[in-house]
Amino acid sequence: LHAIPKEIAREVQPSPEPRESGAVKFMLSTSDVPAERVRLQSLGATILQRAWQNPEESFDAADLEGNVFGVHHA
C-alpha cells in the first residue's frame, strides 16, 4: 500500500464496478467500525455491506480503482 504522487492521482478515474474476483483481499482492523465506514465513504470508497456481516463489526469496501478490501473490528 502506498500513496501515489498527487499529479498521477488526479488522473485516476474511479472504477464503475468493484473487482470482486481478485486473488487478494486486504483486511484492515479498527476499533470503531461505524466511524471508519463514514470516513472511507467521505473519501470516495464504495461500501459493500454484505448480508452476512454485522455492520457494527465489519464491512467490505472498494477503493476508487475498484480494489475490494475488508474492514473489521480489532
PDB file of N, CA and C in Angstrom:
ATOM      1  N   LEU A   1       0.845  -1.165   0.000  1.00  0.00           N
ATOM      2  CA  LEU A   1       0.000   0.000   0.000  1.00  0.00           C
ATOM      3  C   LEU A   1       0.888   1.224   0.000  1.00  0.00           C
ATOM      4  N   HIS A   2       0.539   2.171  -0.833  1.00  0.00           N
ATOM      5  CA  HIS A   2       1.328   3.393  -0.917  1.00  0.00           C
ATOM      6  C   HIS A   2       0.478   4.518  -1.491  1.00  0.00           C
ATOM      7  N   ALA A   3       0.922   5.710  -1.259  1.00  0.00           N
ATOM      8  CA  ALA A   3       0.263   6.884  -1.840  1.00  0.00           C
ATOM      9  C   ALA A   3       0.952   7.202  -3.159  1.00  0.00           C
ATOM     10  N   ILE A   4       0.160   7.364  -4.192  1.00  0.00           N
ATOM     11  CA  ILE A   4       0.745   7.727  -5.474  1.00  0.00           C
ATOM     12  C   ILE A   4       0.908   9.240  -5.536  1.00  0.00           C
ATOM     13  N   PRO A   5       1.821   9.728  -6.345  1.00  0.00           N
ATOM     14  CA  PRO A   5       2.021  11.183  -6.441  1.00  0.00           C
ATOM     15  C   PRO A   5       0.725  11.897  -6.826  1.00  0.00           C
ATOM     16  N   LYS A   6       0.512  13.083  -6.262  1.00  0.00           N
ATOM     17  CA  LYS A   6      -0.728  13.830  -6.487  1.00  0.00           C
ATOM     18  C   LYS A   6      -0.997  14.099  -7.960  1.00  0.00           C
ATOM     19  N   GLU A   7       0.060  14.353  -8.745  1.00  0.00           N
ATOM     20  CA  GLU A   7      -0.167  14.628 -10.170  1.00  0.00           C
ATOM     21  C   GLU A   7      -0.698  13.398 -10.907  1.00  0.00           C
ATOM     22  N   ILE A   8      -0.354  12.208 -10.431  1.00  0.00           N
ATOM     23  CA  ILE A   8      -0.889  10.979 -11.024  1.00  0.00           C
ATOM     24  C   ILE A   8      -2.283  10.703 -10.468  1.00  0.00           C
ATOM     25  N   ALA A   9      -2.463  10.902  -9.170  1.00  0.00           N
ATOM     26  CA  ALA A   9      -3.748  10.639  -8.527  1.00  0.00           C
ATOM     27  C   ALA A   9      -4.881  11.441  -9.163  1.00  0.00           C
ATOM     28  N   ARG A  10      -4.581  12.658  -9.612  1.00  0.00           N
ATOM     29  CA  ARG A  10      -5.614  13.481 -10.257  1.00  0.00           C
ATOM     30  C   ARG A  10      -6.152  12.833 -11.522  1.00  0.00           C
ATOM     31  N   GLU A  11      -5.341  11.987 -12.150  1.00  0.00           N
ATOM     32  CA  GLU A  11      -5.733  11.358 -13.412  1.00  0.00           C
ATOM     33  C   GLU A  11      -6.460  10.025 -13.226  1.00  0.00           C
ATOM     34  N   VAL A  12      -6.486   9.483 -12.007  1.00  0.00           N
ATOM     35  CA  VAL A  12      -7.119   8.185 -11.761  1.00  0.00           C
ATOM     36  C   VAL A  12      -8.627   8.332 -11.903  1.00  0.00           C
ATOM     37  N   GLN A  13      -9.202   7.498 -12.729  1.00  0.00           N
ATOM     38  CA  GLN A  13     -10.644   7.502 -12.939  1.00  0.00           C
ATOM     39  C   GLN A  13     -11.271   6.427 -12.043  1.00  0.00           C
ATOM     40  N   PRO A  14     -12.307   6.776 -11.308  1.00  0.00           N
ATOM     41  CA  PRO A  14     -12.961   5.771 -10.465  1.00  0.00           C
ATOM     42  C   PRO A  14     -13.465   4.596 -11.299  1.00  0.00           C
ATOM     43  N   SER A  15     -13.338   3.400 -10.731  1.00  0.00           N
ATOM     44  CA  SER A  15     -13.846   2.202 -11.390  1.00  0.00           C
ATOM     45  C   SER A  15     -15.347   2.118 -11.156  1.00  0.00           C
ATOM     46  N   PRO A  16     -16.127   1.875 -12.212  1.00  0.00           N
ATOM     47  CA  PRO A  16     -17.577   1.799 -12.030  1.00  0.00           C
ATOM     48  C   PRO A  16     -18.015   0.557 -11.261  1.00  0.00           C
ATOM     49  N   GLU A  17     -17.191  -0.491 -11.239  1.00  0.00           N
ATOM     50  CA  GLU A  17     -17.557  -1.746 -10.599  1.00  0.00           C
ATOM     51  C   GLU A  17     -16.432  -2.249  -9.703  1.00  0.00           C
ATOM     52  N   PRO A  18     -16.770  -2.716  -8.497  1.00  0.00           N
ATOM     53  CA  PRO A  18     -15.737  -3.337  -7.662  1.00  0.00           C
ATOM     54  C   PRO A  18     -15.202  -4.602  -8.338  1.00  0.00           C
ATOM     55  N   ARG A  19     -13.908  -4.825  -8.194  1.00  0.00           N
ATOM     56  CA  ARG A  19     -13.292  -6.021  -8.773  1.00  0.00           C
ATOM     57  C   ARG A  19     -13.379  -7.135  -7.732  1.00  0.00           C
ATOM     58  N   GLU A  20     -14.457  -7.886  -7.802  1.00  0.00           N
ATOM     59  CA  GLU A  20     -14.763  -8.911  -6.805  1.00  0.00           C
ATOM     60  C   GLU A  20     -13.948 -10.197  -6.964  1.00  0.00           C
ATOM     61  N   SER A  21     -13.320 -10.406  -8.098  1.00  0.00           N
ATOM     62  CA  SER A  21     -12.650 -11.689  -8.335  1.00  0.00           C
ATOM     63  C   SER A  21     -11.135 -11.622  -8.133  1.00  0.00           C
ATOM     64  N   GLY A  22     -10.657 -10.623  -7.425  1.00  0.00           N
ATOM     65  CA  GLY A  22      -9.224 -10.504  -7.175  1.00  0.00           C
ATOM     66  C   GLY A  22      -8.714 -11.665  -6.330  1.00  0.00           C
ATOM     67  N   ALA A  23      -7.455 -12.002  -6.507  1.00  0.00           N
ATOM     68  CA  ALA A  23      -6.860 -13.122  -5.779  1.00  0.00           C
ATOM     69  C   ALA A  23      -6.494 -12.740  -4.345  1.00  0.00           C
ATOM     70  N   VAL A  24      -6.409 -11.456  -4.063  1.00  0.00           N
ATOM     71  CA  VAL A  24      -6.008 -10.983  -2.737  1.00  0.00           C
ATOM     72  C   VAL A  24      -7.045  -9.989  -2.224  1.00  0.00           C
ATOM     73  N   LYS A  25      -7.348 -10.094  -0.940  1.00  0.00           N
ATOM     74  CA  LYS A  25      -8.253  -9.131  -0.312  1.00  0.00           C
ATOM     75  C   LYS A  25      -7.598  -8.689   0.991  1.00  0.00           C
ATOM     76  N   PHE A  26      -7.192  -7.441   1.059  1.00  0.00           N
ATOM     77  CA  PHE A  26      -6.611  -6.900   2.277  1.00  0.00           C
ATOM     78  C   PHE A  26      -7.697  -6.783   3.335  1.00  0.00           C
ATOM     79  N   MET A  27      -7.341  -7.125   4.558  1.00  0.00           N
ATOM     80  CA  MET A  27      -8.233  -6.991   5.702  1.00  0.00           C
ATOM     81  C   MET A  27      -7.593  -6.002   6.671  1.00  0.00           C
ATOM     82  N   LEU A  28      -8.323  -4.968   7.019  1.00  0.00           N
ATOM     83  CA  LEU A  28      -7.835  -3.927   7.911  1.00  0.00           C
ATOM     84  C   LEU A  28      -8.665  -3.932   9.185  1.00  0.00           C
ATOM     85  N   SER A  29      -8.045  -3.633  10.308  1.00  0.00           N
ATOM     86  CA  SER A  29      -8.789  -3.626  11.566  1.00  0.00           C
ATOM     87  C   SER A  29      -8.860  -2.213  12.138  1.00  0.00           C
ATOM     88  N   THR A  30      -9.930  -1.977  12.892  1.00  0.00           N
ATOM     89  CA  THR A  30     -10.165  -0.685  13.521  1.00  0.00           C
ATOM     90  C   THR A  30     -10.924  -0.905  14.818  1.00  0.00           C
ATOM     91  N   SER A  31     -10.821   0.028  15.731  1.00  0.00           N
ATOM     92  CA  SER A  31     -11.575  -0.072  16.982  1.00  0.00           C
ATOM     93  C   SER A  31     -12.974   0.522  16.841  1.00  0.00           C
ATOM     94  N   ASP A  32     -13.243   1.248  15.746  1.00  0.00           N
ATOM     95  CA  ASP A  32     -14.541   1.892  15.549  1.00  0.00           C
ATOM     96  C   ASP A  32     -15.000   1.688  14.109  1.00  0.00           C
ATOM     97  N   VAL A  33     -15.659   0.565  13.862  1.00  0.00           N
ATOM     98  CA  VAL A  33     -16.090   0.208  12.500  1.00  0.00           C
ATOM     99  C   VAL A  33     -17.054   1.240  11.905  1.00  0.00           C
ATOM    100  N   PRO A  34     -18.105   1.662  12.618  1.00  0.00           N
ATOM    101  CA  PRO A  34     -19.019   2.653  12.021  1.00  0.00           C
ATOM    102  C   PRO A  34     -18.321   3.959  11.634  1.00  0.00           C
ATOM    103  N   ALA A  35     -17.420   4.452  12.468  1.00  0.00           N
ATOM    104  CA  ALA A  35     -16.718   5.699  12.148  1.00  0.00           C
ATOM    105  C   ALA A  35     -15.809   5.508  10.937  1.00  0.00           C
ATOM    106  N   GLU A  36     -15.194   4.348  10.824  1.00  0.00           N
ATOM    107  CA  GLU A  36     -14.314   4.090   9.677  1.00  0.00           C
ATOM    108  C   GLU A  36     -15.123   4.000   8.385  1.00  0.00           C
ATOM    109  N   ARG A  37     -16.332   3.430   8.466  1.00  0.00           N
ATOM    110  CA  ARG A  37     -17.204   3.370   7.286  1.00  0.00           C
ATOM    111  C   ARG A  37     -17.511   4.787   6.795  1.00  0.00           C
ATOM    112  N   VAL A  38     -17.878   5.675   7.713  1.00  0.00           N
ATOM    113  CA  VAL A  38     -18.193   7.069   7.359  1.00  0.00           C
ATOM    114  C   VAL A  38     -16.965   7.754   6.771  1.00  0.00           C
ATOM    115  N   ARG A  39     -15.799   7.551   7.388  1.00  0.00           N
ATOM    116  CA  ARG A  39     -14.564   8.184   6.908  1.00  0.00           C
ATOM    117  C   ARG A  39     -14.221   7.722   5.499  1.00  0.00           C
ATOM    118  N   LEU A  40     -14.307   6.412   5.261  1.00  0.00           N
ATOM    119  CA  LEU A  40     -13.968   5.891   3.930  1.00  0.00           C
ATOM    120  C   LEU A  40     -14.964   6.365   2.874  1.00  0.00           C
ATOM    121  N   GLN A  41     -16.244   6.409   3.222  1.00  0.00           N
ATOM    122  CA  GLN A  41     -17.240   6.935   2.279  1.00  0.00           C
ATOM    123  C   GLN A  41     -16.931   8.375   1.922  1.00  0.00           C
ATOM    124  N   SER A  42     -16.512   9.173   2.893  1.00  0.00           N
ATOM    125  CA  SER A  42     -16.218  10.580   2.632  1.00  0.00           C
ATOM    126  C   SER A  42     -15.025  10.747   1.700  1.00  0.00           C
ATOM    127  N   LEU A  43     -14.172   9.722   1.629  1.00  0.00           N
ATOM    128  CA  LEU A  43     -13.009   9.745   0.742  1.00  0.00           C
ATOM    129  C   LEU A  43     -13.306   9.152  -0.636  1.00  0.00           C
ATOM    130  N   GLY A  44     -14.547   8.677  -0.839  1.00  0.00           N
ATOM    131  CA  GLY A  44     -14.943   8.156  -2.140  1.00  0.00           C
ATOM    132  C   GLY A  44     -14.997   6.653  -2.255  1.00  0.00           C
ATOM    133  N   ALA A  45     -14.728   5.929  -1.170  1.00  0.00           N
ATOM    134  CA  ALA A  45     -14.817   4.467  -1.221  1.00  0.00           C
ATOM    135  C   ALA A  45     -16.274   4.044  -1.364  1.00  0.00           C
ATOM    136  N   THR A  46     -16.489   2.922  -2.026  1.00  0.00           N
ATOM    137  CA  THR A  46     -17.810   2.323  -2.149  1.00  0.00           C
ATOM    138  C   THR A  46     -17.944   1.277  -1.058  1.00  0.00           C
ATOM    139  N   ILE A  47     -18.966   1.398  -0.218  1.00  0.00           N
ATOM    140  CA  ILE A  47     -19.176   0.445   0.862  1.00  0.00           C
ATOM    141  C   ILE A  47     -19.978  -0.733   0.322  1.00  0.00           C
ATOM    142  N   LEU A  48     -19.511  -1.934   0.622  1.00  0.00           N
ATOM    143  CA  LEU A  48     -20.146  -3.173   0.171  1.00  0.00           C
ATOM    144  C   LEU A  48     -20.575  -3.951   1.416  1.00  0.00           C
ATOM    145  N   GLN A  49     -21.673  -3.549   2.019  1.00  0.00           N
ATOM    146  CA  GLN A  49     -22.133  -4.221   3.235  1.00  0.00           C
ATOM    147  C   GLN A  49     -22.774  -5.532   2.832  1.00  0.00           C
ATOM    148  N   ARG A  50     -22.176  -6.626   3.237  1.00  0.00           N
ATOM    149  CA  ARG A  50     -22.656  -7.966   2.884  1.00  0.00           C
ATOM    150  C   ARG A  50     -23.759  -8.392   3.855  1.00  0.00           C
ATOM    151  N   ALA A  51     -24.685  -9.193   3.366  1.00  0.00           N
ATOM    152  CA  ALA A  51     -25.808  -9.645   4.191  1.00  0.00           C
ATOM    153  C   ALA A  51     -25.347 -10.392   5.438  1.00  0.00           C
ATOM    154  N   TRP A  52     -24.238 -11.076   5.355  1.00  0.00           N
ATOM    155  CA  TRP A  52     -23.752 -11.874   6.483  1.00  0.00           C
ATOM    156  C   TRP A  52     -22.883 -11.071   7.465  1.00  0.00           C
ATOM    157  N   GLN A  53     -22.612  -9.822   7.154  1.00  0.00           N
ATOM    158  CA  GLN A  53     -21.764  -9.000   8.019  1.00  0.00           C
ATOM    159  C   GLN A  53     -22.614  -8.157   8.977  1.00  0.00           C
ATOM    160  N   ASN A  54     -22.202  -8.131  10.226  1.00  0.00           N
ATOM    161  CA  ASN A  54     -22.818  -7.250  11.208  1.00  0.00           C
ATOM    162  C   ASN A  54     -22.203  -5.870  10.984  1.00  0.00           C
ATOM    163  N   PRO A  55     -22.987  -4.833  10.641  1.00  0.00           N
ATOM    164  CA  PRO A  55     -22.424  -3.522  10.320  1.00  0.00           C
ATOM    165  C   PRO A  55     -21.648  -2.870  11.462  1.00  0.00           C
ATOM    166  N   GLU A  56     -21.862  -3.335  12.690  1.00  0.00           N
ATOM    167  CA  GLU A  56     -21.098  -2.812  13.820  1.00  0.00           C
ATOM    168  C   GLU A  56     -19.730  -3.486  13.933  1.00  0.00           C
ATOM    169  N   GLU A  57     -19.548  -4.617  13.220  1.00  0.00           N
ATOM    170  CA  GLU A  57     -18.324  -5.408  13.354  1.00  0.00           C
ATOM    171  C   GLU A  57     -17.464  -5.455  12.098  1.00  0.00           C
ATOM    172  N   SER A  58     -18.081  -5.344  10.906  1.00  0.00           N
ATOM    173  CA  SER A  58     -17.280  -5.459   9.688  1.00  0.00           C
ATOM    174  C   SER A  58     -18.046  -4.981   8.458  1.00  0.00           C
ATOM    175  N   PHE A  59     -17.286  -4.700   7.418  1.00  0.00           N
ATOM    176  CA  PHE A  59     -17.841  -4.395   6.102  1.00  0.00           C
ATOM    177  C   PHE A  59     -16.730  -4.554   5.076  1.00  0.00           C
ATOM    178  N   ASP A  60     -17.121  -4.678   3.831  1.00  0.00           N
ATOM    179  CA  ASP A  60     -16.182  -4.651   2.725  1.00  0.00           C
ATOM    180  C   ASP A  60     -16.338  -3.299   2.040  1.00  0.00           C
ATOM    181  N   ALA A  61     -15.315  -2.894   1.328  1.00  0.00           N
ATOM    182  CA  ALA A  61     -15.357  -1.638   0.587  1.00  0.00           C
ATOM    183  C   ALA A  61     -14.518  -1.780  -0.664  1.00  0.00           C
ATOM    184  N   ALA A  62     -14.721  -0.878  -1.611  1.00  0.00           N
ATOM    185  CA  ALA A  62     -13.913  -0.830  -2.829  1.00  0.00           C
ATOM    186  C   ALA A  62     -13.308   0.562  -2.921  1.00  0.00           C
ATOM    187  N   ASP A  63     -12.011   0.612  -3.211  1.00  0.00           N
ATOM    188  CA  ASP A  63     -11.362   1.910  -3.372  1.00  0.00           C
ATOM    189  C   ASP A  63     -11.726   2.494  -4.738  1.00  0.00           C
ATOM    190  N   LEU A  64     -11.185   3.652  -5.059  1.00  0.00           N
ATOM    191  CA  LEU A  64     -11.548   4.334  -6.304  1.00  0.00           C
ATOM    192  C   LEU A  64     -11.149   3.572  -7.553  1.00  0.00           C
ATOM    193  N   GLU A  65     -10.216   2.625  -7.425  1.00  0.00           N
ATOM    194  CA  GLU A  65      -9.811   1.811  -8.567  1.00  0.00           C
ATOM    195  C   GLU A  65     -10.576   0.500  -8.625  1.00  0.00           C
ATOM    196  N   GLY A  66     -11.498   0.275  -7.698  1.00  0.00           N
ATOM    197  CA  GLY A  66     -12.315  -0.936  -7.684  1.00  0.00           C
ATOM    198  C   GLY A  66     -11.730  -2.077  -6.878  1.00  0.00           C
ATOM    199  N   ASN A  67     -10.595  -1.870  -6.208  1.00  0.00           N
ATOM    200  CA  ASN A  67      -9.996  -2.919  -5.391  1.00  0.00           C
ATOM    201  C   ASN A  67     -10.822  -3.111  -4.121  1.00  0.00           C
ATOM    202  N   VAL A  68     -11.215  -4.345  -3.850  1.00  0.00           N
ATOM    203  CA  VAL A  68     -12.053  -4.659  -2.691  1.00  0.00           C
ATOM    204  C   VAL A  68     -11.160  -4.973  -1.499  1.00  0.00           C
ATOM    205  N   PHE A  69     -11.537  -4.443  -0.332  1.00  0.00           N
ATOM    206  CA  PHE A  69     -10.828  -4.736   0.912  1.00  0.00           C
ATOM    207  C   PHE A  69     -11.864  -4.847   2.039  1.00  0.00           C
ATOM    208  N   GLY A  70     -11.464  -5.469   3.122  1.00  0.00           N
ATOM    209  CA  GLY A  70     -12.358  -5.641   4.249  1.00  0.00           C
ATOM    210  C   GLY A  70     -11.904  -4.826   5.444  1.00  0.00           C
ATOM    211  N   VAL A  71     -12.862  -4.434   6.259  1.00  0.00           N
ATOM    212  CA  VAL A  71     -12.587  -3.715   7.499  1.00  0.00           C
ATOM    213  C   VAL A  71     -13.332  -4.459   8.598  1.00  0.00           C
ATOM    214  N   HIS A  72     -12.656  -4.746   9.694  1.00  0.00           N
ATOM    215  CA  HIS A  72     -13.293  -5.459  10.798  1.00  0.00           C
ATOM    216  C   HIS A  72     -12.863  -4.872  12.128  1.00  0.00           C
ATOM    217  N   HIS A  73     -13.624  -5.211  13.161  1.00  0.00           N
ATOM    218  CA  HIS A  73     -13.326  -4.711  14.499  1.00  0.00           C
ATOM    219  C   HIS A  73     -12.059  -5.359  15.021  1.00  0.00           C
ATOM    220  N   ALA A  74     -11.192  -4.548  15.612  1.00  0.00           N
ATOM    221  CA  ALA A  74      -9.914  -5.037  16.153  1.00  0.00           C
ATOM    222  C   ALA A  74     -10.134  -5.828  17.422  1.00  0.00           C
TER     223      ALA A  74
END
